[in-house]
Amino acid sequence: MEYIYKPRGVCSSLITVELDGETIKKVEFMGGCSGNSRGISQLVKGCNARDVIKRLRGVRCGTGQTSCPDQLSWALEQALAQEK
């Protein structure tokens, strides 16, 4: 199932997540830094969502309070909650 998350405080406007249980099948960012977003998406593909949440939660971009990786952790948390 596909989950759509509206990130806050970052350049990306949407994050789409597809899970197979707790395994990340696909992540897509709309907007933001294309290379970084594609790189993050490829790095997390096939990983356990809970592990990725632990690694990415709290990552900041510059002086901002959040980042696209941090927002991905929130998107994954929401997706896992909806999986139940």
N, C-alpha and C. Protein backbone atom coordinates (compact mmCIF):
# COMPACT_ATOMS: atom_id res chain seq x y z
N MET A 1 0.84 -1.18 0.00
CA MET A 1 0.00 0.00 0.00
C MET A 1 0.89 1.25 0.00
N GLU A 2 0.43 2.28 -0.66
CA GLU A 2 1.19 3.52 -0.77
C GLU A 2 0.67 4.55 0.24
N TYR A 3 1.60 5.23 0.89
CA TYR A 3 1.27 6.25 1.88
C TYR A 3 1.85 7.58 1.43
N ILE A 4 1.07 8.63 1.56
CA ILE A 4 1.50 9.96 1.16
C ILE A 4 1.61 10.83 2.40
N TYR A 5 2.75 11.50 2.53
CA TYR A 5 3.03 12.34 3.69
C TYR A 5 3.37 13.74 3.20
N LYS A 6 2.81 14.75 3.83
CA LYS A 6 3.10 16.15 3.52
C LYS A 6 4.14 16.66 4.52
N PRO A 7 5.41 16.77 4.09
CA PRO A 7 6.47 17.21 5.00
C PRO A 7 6.33 18.69 5.36
N ARG A 8 6.95 19.06 6.48
CA ARG A 8 6.92 20.44 6.96
C ARG A 8 8.35 20.94 7.16
N GLY A 9 8.58 22.19 6.78
CA GLY A 9 9.87 22.82 7.04
C GLY A 9 10.99 22.41 6.12
N VAL A 10 10.66 21.80 4.97
CA VAL A 10 11.69 21.37 4.02
C VAL A 10 11.27 21.75 2.60
N CYS A 11 12.18 21.58 1.67
CA CYS A 11 11.90 21.93 0.27
C CYS A 11 10.96 20.93 -0.41
N SER A 12 10.98 19.70 0.00
CA SER A 12 10.10 18.69 -0.59
C SER A 12 8.64 18.99 -0.25
N SER A 13 7.75 18.75 -1.20
CA SER A 13 6.33 19.03 -0.97
C SER A 13 5.54 17.79 -0.61
N LEU A 14 6.01 16.61 -1.01
CA LEU A 14 5.35 15.34 -0.68
C LEU A 14 6.38 14.23 -0.58
N ILE A 15 6.10 13.26 0.29
CA ILE A 15 6.90 12.04 0.36
C ILE A 15 5.93 10.88 0.22
N THR A 16 6.21 10.01 -0.73
CA THR A 16 5.40 8.81 -0.95
C THR A 16 6.20 7.60 -0.49
N VAL A 17 5.57 6.76 0.33
CA VAL A 17 6.23 5.58 0.91
C VAL A 17 5.42 4.35 0.57
N GLU A 18 6.10 3.29 0.16
CA GLU A 18 5.45 2.00 -0.05
C GLU A 18 6.17 0.96 0.81
N LEU A 19 5.41 0.27 1.66
CA LEU A 19 5.97 -0.74 2.55
C LEU A 19 5.44 -2.13 2.21
N ASP A 20 6.24 -3.12 2.57
CA ASP A 20 5.82 -4.52 2.56
C ASP A 20 6.04 -4.98 4.00
N GLY A 21 4.99 -4.88 4.81
CA GLY A 21 5.15 -5.11 6.25
C GLY A 21 5.96 -3.96 6.82
N GLU A 22 7.14 -4.27 7.35
CA GLU A 22 8.03 -3.23 7.88
C GLU A 22 9.21 -2.95 6.94
N THR A 23 9.20 -3.57 5.77
CA THR A 23 10.27 -3.38 4.81
C THR A 23 9.90 -2.29 3.81
N ILE A 24 10.82 -1.38 3.58
CA ILE A 24 10.59 -0.28 2.64
C ILE A 24 10.77 -0.79 1.22
N LYS A 25 9.70 -0.70 0.44
CA LYS A 25 9.75 -1.10 -0.97
C LYS A 25 10.12 0.08 -1.86
N LYS A 26 9.61 1.26 -1.51
CA LYS A 26 9.82 2.42 -2.38
C LYS A 26 9.60 3.71 -1.59
N VAL A 27 10.44 4.71 -1.89
CA VAL A 27 10.28 6.06 -1.34
C VAL A 27 10.48 7.04 -2.48
N GLU A 28 9.59 8.02 -2.59
CA GLU A 28 9.73 9.07 -3.59
C GLU A 28 9.50 10.42 -2.92
N PHE A 29 10.37 11.37 -3.23
CA PHE A 29 10.22 12.76 -2.78
C PHE A 29 9.76 13.59 -3.96
N MET A 30 8.82 14.48 -3.73
CA MET A 30 8.40 15.44 -4.75
C MET A 30 9.00 16.78 -4.35
N GLY A 31 9.83 17.33 -5.22
CA GLY A 31 10.50 18.59 -4.93
C GLY A 31 11.74 18.37 -4.09
N GLY A 32 12.39 19.45 -3.75
CA GLY A 32 13.61 19.35 -2.95
C GLY A 32 14.83 19.09 -3.81
N CYS A 33 15.91 18.72 -3.17
CA CYS A 33 17.18 18.45 -3.85
C CYS A 33 17.12 17.08 -4.51
N SER A 34 17.06 17.08 -5.81
CA SER A 34 16.83 15.85 -6.57
C SER A 34 17.86 14.75 -6.28
N GLY A 35 19.13 15.09 -6.31
CA GLY A 35 20.16 14.07 -6.09
C GLY A 35 20.11 13.49 -4.69
N ASN A 36 19.94 14.34 -3.69
CA ASN A 36 19.86 13.87 -2.31
C ASN A 36 18.62 13.00 -2.11
N SER A 37 17.50 13.45 -2.64
CA SER A 37 16.26 12.70 -2.48
C SER A 37 16.34 11.33 -3.13
N ARG A 38 16.88 11.29 -4.34
CA ARG A 38 17.03 9.99 -5.03
C ARG A 38 18.02 9.10 -4.29
N GLY A 39 19.10 9.70 -3.77
CA GLY A 39 20.09 8.92 -3.03
C GLY A 39 19.51 8.32 -1.76
N ILE A 40 18.77 9.12 -1.00
CA ILE A 40 18.13 8.62 0.22
C ILE A 40 17.17 7.50 -0.13
N SER A 41 16.38 7.70 -1.18
CA SER A 41 15.39 6.70 -1.59
C SER A 41 16.06 5.36 -1.92
N GLN A 42 17.18 5.40 -2.61
CA GLN A 42 17.88 4.17 -2.95
C GLN A 42 18.53 3.52 -1.74
N LEU A 43 19.07 4.34 -0.83
CA LEU A 43 19.73 3.80 0.36
C LEU A 43 18.77 3.07 1.29
N VAL A 44 17.54 3.55 1.40
CA VAL A 44 16.60 2.94 2.35
C VAL A 44 15.78 1.80 1.75
N LYS A 45 15.79 1.67 0.44
CA LYS A 45 15.03 0.61 -0.23
C LYS A 45 15.50 -0.76 0.28
N GLY A 46 14.54 -1.57 0.74
CA GLY A 46 14.85 -2.90 1.25
C GLY A 46 15.18 -2.93 2.74
N CYS A 47 15.27 -1.77 3.36
CA CYS A 47 15.61 -1.69 4.79
C CYS A 47 14.35 -1.79 5.65
N ASN A 48 14.57 -2.13 6.91
CA ASN A 48 13.49 -2.15 7.88
C ASN A 48 13.15 -0.70 8.23
N ALA A 49 11.86 -0.36 8.14
CA ALA A 49 11.42 1.01 8.38
C ALA A 49 11.76 1.50 9.78
N ARG A 50 11.65 0.63 10.78
CA ARG A 50 11.95 1.06 12.15
C ARG A 50 13.44 1.40 12.32
N ASP A 51 14.30 0.65 11.65
CA ASP A 51 15.73 0.95 11.70
C ASP A 51 16.02 2.30 11.03
N VAL A 52 15.37 2.56 9.91
CA VAL A 52 15.57 3.82 9.19
C VAL A 52 15.07 4.99 10.04
N ILE A 53 13.94 4.82 10.71
CA ILE A 53 13.40 5.87 11.58
C ILE A 53 14.44 6.22 12.64
N LYS A 54 15.03 5.22 13.28
CA LYS A 54 16.04 5.46 14.33
C LYS A 54 17.25 6.22 13.78
N ARG A 55 17.67 5.88 12.57
CA ARG A 55 18.85 6.51 11.99
C ARG A 55 18.61 7.94 11.52
N LEU A 56 17.42 8.21 11.01
CA LEU A 56 17.17 9.51 10.38
C LEU A 56 16.49 10.53 11.29
N ARG A 57 15.82 10.08 12.33
CA ARG A 57 15.10 10.99 13.22
C ARG A 57 16.06 12.01 13.81
N GLY A 58 15.71 13.27 13.68
CA GLY A 58 16.50 14.35 14.28
C GLY A 58 17.59 14.92 13.38
N VAL A 59 17.80 14.35 12.19
CA VAL A 59 18.79 14.92 11.27
C VAL A 59 18.30 16.30 10.84
N ARG A 60 19.19 17.28 10.88
CA ARG A 60 18.81 18.64 10.54
C ARG A 60 19.52 19.10 9.27
N CYS A 61 18.91 20.03 8.58
CA CYS A 61 19.48 20.62 7.37
C CYS A 61 19.91 22.04 7.70
N GLY A 62 21.20 22.29 7.71
CA GLY A 62 21.70 23.62 8.03
C GLY A 62 21.26 24.05 9.42
N THR A 63 20.69 25.24 9.52
CA THR A 63 20.23 25.75 10.80
C THR A 63 18.75 25.45 11.03
N GLY A 64 18.12 24.71 10.12
CA GLY A 64 16.70 24.38 10.24
C GLY A 64 16.45 23.38 11.36
N GLN A 65 15.20 23.23 11.70
CA GLN A 65 14.78 22.32 12.77
C GLN A 65 14.57 20.89 12.27
N THR A 66 14.59 20.69 10.95
CA THR A 66 14.31 19.38 10.37
C THR A 66 15.08 19.25 9.06
N SER A 67 14.83 18.17 8.34
CA SER A 67 15.45 17.92 7.04
C SER A 67 14.59 16.92 6.30
N CYS A 68 14.89 16.68 5.04
CA CYS A 68 14.14 15.67 4.29
C CYS A 68 14.33 14.27 4.91
N PRO A 69 15.55 13.89 5.34
CA PRO A 69 15.67 12.60 6.01
C PRO A 69 14.84 12.52 7.30
N ASP A 70 14.83 13.58 8.09
CA ASP A 70 14.02 13.61 9.31
C ASP A 70 12.54 13.49 8.95
N GLN A 71 12.11 14.21 7.94
CA GLN A 71 10.71 14.13 7.53
C GLN A 71 10.36 12.74 7.00
N LEU A 72 11.31 12.08 6.35
CA LEU A 72 11.08 10.70 5.92
C LEU A 72 10.84 9.81 7.13
N SER A 73 11.55 10.04 8.21
CA SER A 73 11.34 9.22 9.41
C SER A 73 9.91 9.38 9.93
N TRP A 74 9.37 10.59 9.86
CA TRP A 74 7.99 10.82 10.28
C TRP A 74 7.00 10.17 9.31
N ALA A 75 7.33 10.23 8.02
CA ALA A 75 6.47 9.59 7.01
C ALA A 75 6.42 8.08 7.24
N LEU A 76 7.57 7.49 7.53
CA LEU A 76 7.63 6.05 7.78
C LEU A 76 6.86 5.68 9.04
N GLU A 77 6.98 6.49 10.07
CA GLU A 77 6.24 6.22 11.32
C GLU A 77 4.73 6.24 11.05
N GLN A 78 4.30 7.22 10.28
CA GLN A 78 2.86 7.31 9.95
C GLN A 78 2.43 6.11 9.10
N ALA A 79 3.25 5.72 8.15
CA ALA A 79 2.92 4.58 7.30
C ALA A 79 2.81 3.30 8.13
N LEU A 80 3.76 3.09 9.05
CA LEU A 80 3.70 1.91 9.91
C LEU A 80 2.43 1.90 10.76
N ALA A 81 2.04 3.06 11.27
CA ALA A 81 0.83 3.16 12.08
C ALA A 81 -0.41 2.81 11.27
N GLN A 82 -0.43 3.20 10.00
CA GLN A 82 -1.56 2.91 9.14
C GLN A 82 -1.59 1.46 8.67
N GLU A 83 -0.43 0.80 8.72
CA GLU A 83 -0.33 -0.61 8.31
C GLU A 83 -1.10 -1.52 9.27
N LYS A 84 -1.23 -1.10 10.53
CA LYS A 84 -1.84 -1.95 11.56
C LYS A 84 -3.30 -2.13 11.34
